[in-house]
Amino acid sequence: MTLLLNGAPQEIAGRTLAEALAELGFSGRIVATALNGDFVPARKRAETPLNDGDRIEVVSPMQGG
């Protein structure tokens, strides 16, 4: 299916947000996620289904000061 990942089209085979993140190389990384503009906590990603055309935002925390 085709999704928008941070605004760019991306072909994904995974059917859940957790599967998509693993497929995209985010496994083991601490990231914040949103699906179609709604925040999805890490504990809910495995049960969050994806549909063709969904918008996923992935943000990594940054250190700064």
PDB file of N, CA and C in Angstrom:
ATOM      1  N   MET A   1       0.848  -1.177   0.000  1.00  0.00           N
ATOM      2  CA  MET A   1       0.000   0.000   0.000  1.00  0.00           C
ATOM      3  C   MET A   1       0.891   1.236   0.000  1.00  0.00           C
ATOM      4  N   THR A   2       0.346   2.337  -0.435  1.00  0.00           N
ATOM      5  CA  THR A   2       1.090   3.590  -0.467  1.00  0.00           C
ATOM      6  C   THR A   2       0.622   4.482   0.673  1.00  0.00           C
ATOM      7  N   LEU A   3       1.573   4.937   1.466  1.00  0.00           N
ATOM      8  CA  LEU A   3       1.317   5.857   2.572  1.00  0.00           C
ATOM      9  C   LEU A   3       2.138   7.114   2.365  1.00  0.00           C
ATOM     10  N   LEU A   4       1.818   8.143   3.111  1.00  0.00           N
ATOM     11  CA  LEU A   4       2.666   9.329   3.158  1.00  0.00           C
ATOM     12  C   LEU A   4       3.444   9.273   4.462  1.00  0.00           C
ATOM     13  N   LEU A   5       4.756   9.164   4.356  1.00  0.00           N
ATOM     14  CA  LEU A   5       5.635   9.144   5.523  1.00  0.00           C
ATOM     15  C   LEU A   5       6.330  10.485   5.616  1.00  0.00           C
ATOM     16  N   ASN A   6       5.993  11.253   6.633  1.00  0.00           N
ATOM     17  CA  ASN A   6       6.537  12.596   6.793  1.00  0.00           C
ATOM     18  C   ASN A   6       6.394  13.404   5.496  1.00  0.00           C
ATOM     19  N   GLY A   7       5.246  13.220   4.837  1.00  0.00           N
ATOM     20  CA  GLY A   7       4.924  13.995   3.644  1.00  0.00           C
ATOM     21  C   GLY A   7       5.383  13.409   2.327  1.00  0.00           C
ATOM     22  N   ALA A   8       6.137  12.304   2.356  1.00  0.00           N
ATOM     23  CA  ALA A   8       6.642  11.696   1.125  1.00  0.00           C
ATOM     24  C   ALA A   8       5.969  10.347   0.887  1.00  0.00           C
ATOM     25  N   PRO A   9       5.560  10.042  -0.353  1.00  0.00           N
ATOM     26  CA  PRO A   9       4.951   8.744  -0.635  1.00  0.00           C
ATOM     27  C   PRO A   9       5.914   7.605  -0.345  1.00  0.00           C
ATOM     28  N   GLN A  10       5.384   6.530   0.224  1.00  0.00           N
ATOM     29  CA  GLN A  10       6.213   5.384   0.605  1.00  0.00           C
ATOM     30  C   GLN A  10       5.389   4.114   0.415  1.00  0.00           C
ATOM     31  N   GLU A  11       5.958   3.128  -0.254  1.00  0.00           N
ATOM     32  CA  GLU A  11       5.296   1.827  -0.396  1.00  0.00           C
ATOM     33  C   GLU A  11       5.626   0.993   0.842  1.00  0.00           C
ATOM     34  N   ILE A  12       4.586   0.454   1.472  1.00  0.00           N
ATOM     35  CA  ILE A  12       4.737  -0.303   2.714  1.00  0.00           C
ATOM     36  C   ILE A  12       3.980  -1.622   2.578  1.00  0.00           C
ATOM     37  N   ALA A  13       4.575  -2.710   3.054  1.00  0.00           N
ATOM     38  CA  ALA A  13       3.887  -4.003   3.066  1.00  0.00           C
ATOM     39  C   ALA A  13       3.180  -4.234   4.399  1.00  0.00           C
ATOM     40  N   GLY A  14       3.693  -3.638   5.491  1.00  0.00           N
ATOM     41  CA  GLY A  14       3.125  -3.842   6.823  1.00  0.00           C
ATOM     42  C   GLY A  14       1.679  -3.402   6.904  1.00  0.00           C
ATOM     43  N   ARG A  15       0.920  -4.072   7.752  1.00  0.00           N
ATOM     44  CA  ARG A  15      -0.502  -3.773   7.911  1.00  0.00           C
ATOM     45  C   ARG A  15      -0.817  -3.022   9.200  1.00  0.00           C
ATOM     46  N   THR A  16       0.170  -2.906  10.103  1.00  0.00           N
ATOM     47  CA  THR A  16      -0.019  -2.126  11.323  1.00  0.00           C
ATOM     48  C   THR A  16       1.076  -1.078  11.393  1.00  0.00           C
ATOM     49  N   LEU A  17       0.885  -0.107  12.266  1.00  0.00           N
ATOM     50  CA  LEU A  17       1.893   0.934  12.427  1.00  0.00           C
ATOM     51  C   LEU A  17       3.206   0.339  12.903  1.00  0.00           C
ATOM     52  N   ALA A  18       3.158  -0.621  13.818  1.00  0.00           N
ATOM     53  CA  ALA A  18       4.387  -1.258  14.313  1.00  0.00           C
ATOM     54  C   ALA A  18       5.126  -1.975  13.191  1.00  0.00           C
ATOM     55  N   GLU A  19       4.405  -2.704  12.338  1.00  0.00           N
ATOM     56  CA  GLU A  19       5.036  -3.400  11.211  1.00  0.00           C
ATOM     57  C   GLU A  19       5.662  -2.412  10.237  1.00  0.00           C
ATOM     58  N   ALA A  20       4.974  -1.320   9.973  1.00  0.00           N
ATOM     59  CA  ALA A  20       5.504  -0.306   9.054  1.00  0.00           C
ATOM     60  C   ALA A  20       6.773   0.319   9.617  1.00  0.00           C
ATOM     61  N   LEU A  21       6.780   0.630  10.901  1.00  0.00           N
ATOM     62  CA  LEU A  21       7.971   1.227  11.510  1.00  0.00           C
ATOM     63  C   LEU A  21       9.156   0.276  11.438  1.00  0.00           C
ATOM     64  N   ALA A  22       8.914  -1.017  11.685  1.00  0.00           N
ATOM     65  CA  ALA A  22       9.989  -2.002  11.582  1.00  0.00           C
ATOM     66  C   ALA A  22      10.505  -2.078  10.150  1.00  0.00           C
ATOM     67  N   GLU A  23       9.601  -2.100   9.202  1.00  0.00           N
ATOM     68  CA  GLU A  23       9.971  -2.163   7.788  1.00  0.00           C
ATOM     69  C   GLU A  23      10.795  -0.954   7.358  1.00  0.00           C
ATOM     70  N   LEU A  24      10.508   0.186   7.959  1.00  0.00           N
ATOM     71  CA  LEU A  24      11.204   1.428   7.612  1.00  0.00           C
ATOM     72  C   LEU A  24      12.490   1.655   8.405  1.00  0.00           C
ATOM     73  N   GLY A  25      12.845   0.717   9.277  1.00  0.00           N
ATOM     74  CA  GLY A  25      14.107   0.812   9.996  1.00  0.00           C
ATOM     75  C   GLY A  25      14.044   1.570  11.310  1.00  0.00           C
ATOM     76  N   PHE A  26      12.852   1.751  11.860  1.00  0.00           N
ATOM     77  CA  PHE A  26      12.713   2.473  13.123  1.00  0.00           C
ATOM     78  C   PHE A  26      12.696   1.553  14.345  1.00  0.00           C
ATOM     79  N   SER A  27      12.846   0.246  14.155  1.00  0.00           N
ATOM     80  CA  SER A  27      12.831  -0.690  15.280  1.00  0.00           C
ATOM     81  C   SER A  27      13.926  -0.350  16.286  1.00  0.00           C
ATOM     82  N   GLY A  28      13.564  -0.368  17.558  1.00  0.00           N
ATOM     83  CA  GLY A  28      14.530  -0.112  18.610  1.00  0.00           C
ATOM     84  C   GLY A  28      14.850   1.357  18.821  1.00  0.00           C
ATOM     85  N   ARG A  29      14.305   2.228  18.008  1.00  0.00           N
ATOM     86  CA  ARG A  29      14.552   3.667  18.163  1.00  0.00           C
ATOM     87  C   ARG A  29      13.393   4.307  18.904  1.00  0.00           C
ATOM     88  N   ILE A  30      13.693   5.311  19.672  1.00  0.00           N
ATOM     89  CA  ILE A  30      12.651   6.051  20.371  1.00  0.00           C
ATOM     90  C   ILE A  30      12.152   7.141  19.435  1.00  0.00           C
ATOM     91  N   VAL A  31      10.886   7.015  19.054  1.00  0.00           N
ATOM     92  CA  VAL A  31      10.278   7.983  18.155  1.00  0.00           C
ATOM     93  C   VAL A  31       8.856   8.269  18.627  1.00  0.00           C
ATOM     94  N   ALA A  32       8.343   9.409  18.230  1.00  0.00           N
ATOM     95  CA  ALA A  32       6.933   9.746  18.421  1.00  0.00           C
ATOM     96  C   ALA A  32       6.248   9.521  17.089  1.00  0.00           C
ATOM     97  N   THR A  33       5.012   9.026  17.139  1.00  0.00           N
ATOM     98  CA  THR A  33       4.296   8.740  15.898  1.00  0.00           C
ATOM     99  C   THR A  33       2.899   9.346  15.911  1.00  0.00           C
ATOM    100  N   ALA A  34       2.462   9.710  14.714  1.00  0.00           N
ATOM    101  CA  ALA A  34       1.087  10.172  14.528  1.00  0.00           C
ATOM    102  C   ALA A  34       0.558   9.509  13.265  1.00  0.00           C
ATOM    103  N   LEU A  35      -0.720   9.172  13.298  1.00  0.00           N
ATOM    104  CA  LEU A  35      -1.384   8.584  12.151  1.00  0.00           C
ATOM    105  C   LEU A  35      -2.557   9.485  11.791  1.00  0.00           C
ATOM    106  N   ASN A  36      -2.508  10.038  10.591  1.00  0.00           N
ATOM    107  CA  ASN A  36      -3.549  10.959  10.122  1.00  0.00           C
ATOM    108  C   ASN A  36      -3.793  12.098  11.111  1.00  0.00           C
ATOM    109  N   GLY A  37      -2.701  12.592  11.697  1.00  0.00           N
ATOM    110  CA  GLY A  37      -2.773  13.742  12.589  1.00  0.00           C
ATOM    111  C   GLY A  37      -3.041  13.420  14.047  1.00  0.00           C
ATOM    112  N   ASP A  38      -3.273  12.146  14.378  1.00  0.00           N
ATOM    113  CA  ASP A  38      -3.534  11.755  15.762  1.00  0.00           C
ATOM    114  C   ASP A  38      -2.332  11.023  16.347  1.00  0.00           C
ATOM    115  N   PHE A  39      -1.880  11.461  17.525  1.00  0.00           N
ATOM    116  CA  PHE A  39      -0.763  10.826  18.212  1.00  0.00           C
ATOM    117  C   PHE A  39      -1.092   9.361  18.495  1.00  0.00           C
ATOM    118  N   VAL A  40      -0.112   8.473  18.253  1.00  0.00           N
ATOM    119  CA  VAL A  40      -0.268   7.052  18.572  1.00  0.00           C
ATOM    120  C   VAL A  40       0.848   6.672  19.541  1.00  0.00           C
ATOM    121  N   PRO A  41       0.524   6.346  20.795  1.00  0.00           N
ATOM    122  CA  PRO A  41       1.553   5.945  21.747  1.00  0.00           C
ATOM    123  C   PRO A  41       2.194   4.613  21.344  1.00  0.00           C
ATOM    124  N   ALA A  42       3.421   4.405  21.754  1.00  0.00           N
ATOM    125  CA  ALA A  42       4.171   3.196  21.384  1.00  0.00           C
ATOM    126  C   ALA A  42       3.401   1.929  21.726  1.00  0.00           C
ATOM    127  N   ARG A  43       2.725   1.900  22.850  1.00  0.00           N
ATOM    128  CA  ARG A  43       2.020   0.683  23.281  1.00  0.00           C
ATOM    129  C   ARG A  43       0.823   0.349  22.388  1.00  0.00           C
ATOM    130  N   LYS A  44       0.367   1.278  21.561  1.00  0.00           N
ATOM    131  CA  LYS A  44      -0.796   1.065  20.692  1.00  0.00           C
ATOM    132  C   LYS A  44      -0.416   0.782  19.233  1.00  0.00           C
ATOM    133  N   ARG A  45       0.855   0.876  18.897  1.00  0.00           N
ATOM    134  CA  ARG A  45       1.265   0.758  17.490  1.00  0.00           C
ATOM    135  C   ARG A  45       0.973  -0.612  16.888  1.00  0.00           C
ATOM    136  N   ALA A  46       1.142  -1.681  17.655  1.00  0.00           N
ATOM    137  CA  ALA A  46       0.922  -3.035  17.126  1.00  0.00           C
ATOM    138  C   ALA A  46      -0.546  -3.290  16.816  1.00  0.00           C
ATOM    139  N   GLU A  47      -1.438  -2.557  17.456  1.00  0.00           N
ATOM    140  CA  GLU A  47      -2.871  -2.754  17.221  1.00  0.00           C
ATOM    141  C   GLU A  47      -3.487  -1.641  16.375  1.00  0.00           C
ATOM    142  N   THR A  48      -2.637  -0.786  15.791  1.00  0.00           N
ATOM    143  CA  THR A  48      -3.132   0.320  14.968  1.00  0.00           C
ATOM    144  C   THR A  48      -3.024  -0.060  13.492  1.00  0.00           C
ATOM    145  N   PRO A  49      -4.158  -0.369  12.853  1.00  0.00           N
ATOM    146  CA  PRO A  49      -4.123  -0.783  11.442  1.00  0.00           C
ATOM    147  C   PRO A  49      -3.845   0.391  10.514  1.00  0.00           C
ATOM    148  N   LEU A  50      -3.275   0.060   9.368  1.00  0.00           N
ATOM    149  CA  LEU A  50      -2.996   1.070   8.348  1.00  0.00           C
ATOM    150  C   LEU A  50      -3.878   0.821   7.139  1.00  0.00           C
ATOM    151  N   ASN A  51      -4.192   1.888   6.429  1.00  0.00           N
ATOM    152  CA  ASN A  51      -4.973   1.826   5.196  1.00  0.00           C
ATOM    153  C   ASN A  51      -4.252   2.613   4.117  1.00  0.00           C
ATOM    154  N   ASP A  52      -4.477   2.221   2.886  1.00  0.00           N
ATOM    155  CA  ASP A  52      -3.866   2.913   1.756  1.00  0.00           C
ATOM    156  C   ASP A  52      -4.179   4.407   1.845  1.00  0.00           C
ATOM    157  N   GLY A  53      -3.152   5.238   1.690  1.00  0.00           N
ATOM    158  CA  GLY A  53      -3.325   6.679   1.720  1.00  0.00           C
ATOM    159  C   GLY A  53      -3.167   7.320   3.087  1.00  0.00           C
ATOM    160  N   ASP A  54      -2.975   6.502   4.138  1.00  0.00           N
ATOM    161  CA  ASP A  54      -2.781   7.072   5.478  1.00  0.00           C
ATOM    162  C   ASP A  54      -1.535   7.948   5.523  1.00  0.00           C
ATOM    163  N   ARG A  55      -1.559   8.916   6.445  1.00  0.00           N
ATOM    164  CA  ARG A  55      -0.416   9.807   6.671  1.00  0.00           C
ATOM    165  C   ARG A  55       0.236   9.438   8.000  1.00  0.00           C
ATOM    166  N   ILE A  56       1.517   9.066   7.933  1.00  0.00           N
ATOM    167  CA  ILE A  56       2.290   8.738   9.135  1.00  0.00           C
ATOM    168  C   ILE A  56       3.340   9.818   9.331  1.00  0.00           C
ATOM    169  N   GLU A  57       3.417  10.316  10.540  1.00  0.00           N
ATOM    170  CA  GLU A  57       4.490  11.244  10.917  1.00  0.00           C
ATOM    171  C   GLU A  57       5.351  10.549  11.957  1.00  0.00           C
ATOM    172  N   VAL A  58       6.656  10.548  11.755  1.00  0.00           N
ATOM    173  CA  VAL A  58       7.604   9.956  12.696  1.00  0.00           C
ATOM    174  C   VAL A  58       8.604  11.049  13.065  1.00  0.00           C
ATOM    175  N   VAL A  59       8.733  11.280  14.367  1.00  0.00           N
ATOM    176  CA  VAL A  59       9.622  12.332  14.856  1.00  0.00           C
ATOM    177  C   VAL A  59      10.551  11.739  15.901  1.00  0.00           C
ATOM    178  N   SER A  60      11.864  11.975  15.737  1.00  0.00           N
ATOM    179  CA  SER A  60      12.843  11.543  16.726  1.00  0.00           C
ATOM    180  C   SER A  60      13.145  12.679  17.677  1.00  0.00           C
ATOM    181  N   PRO A  61      13.239  12.374  18.981  1.00  0.00           N
ATOM    182  CA  PRO A  61      13.592  13.436  19.921  1.00  0.00           C
ATOM    183  C   PRO A  61      15.017  13.920  19.665  1.00  0.00           C
ATOM    184  N   MET A  62      15.234  15.201  19.936  1.00  0.00           N
ATOM    185  CA  MET A  62      16.563  15.781  19.715  1.00  0.00           C
ATOM    186  C   MET A  62      17.082  16.366  21.007  1.00  0.00           C
ATOM    187  N   GLN A  63      18.363  16.204  21.234  1.00  0.00           N
ATOM    188  CA  GLN A  63      19.025  16.810  22.373  1.00  0.00           C
ATOM    189  C   GLN A  63      19.380  18.249  22.010  1.00  0.00           C
ATOM    190  N   GLY A  64      19.323  19.103  22.939  1.00  0.00           N
ATOM    191  CA  GLY A  64      19.693  20.492  22.648  1.00  0.00           C
ATOM    192  C   GLY A  64      19.743  21.311  23.905  1.00  0.00           C
ATOM    193  N   GLY A  65      20.092  22.525  23.708  1.00  0.00           N
ATOM    194  CA  GLY A  65      20.134  23.368  24.886  1.00  0.00           C
ATOM    195  C   GLY A  65      20.395  24.796  24.537  1.00  0.00           C
TER     196      GLY A  65
END
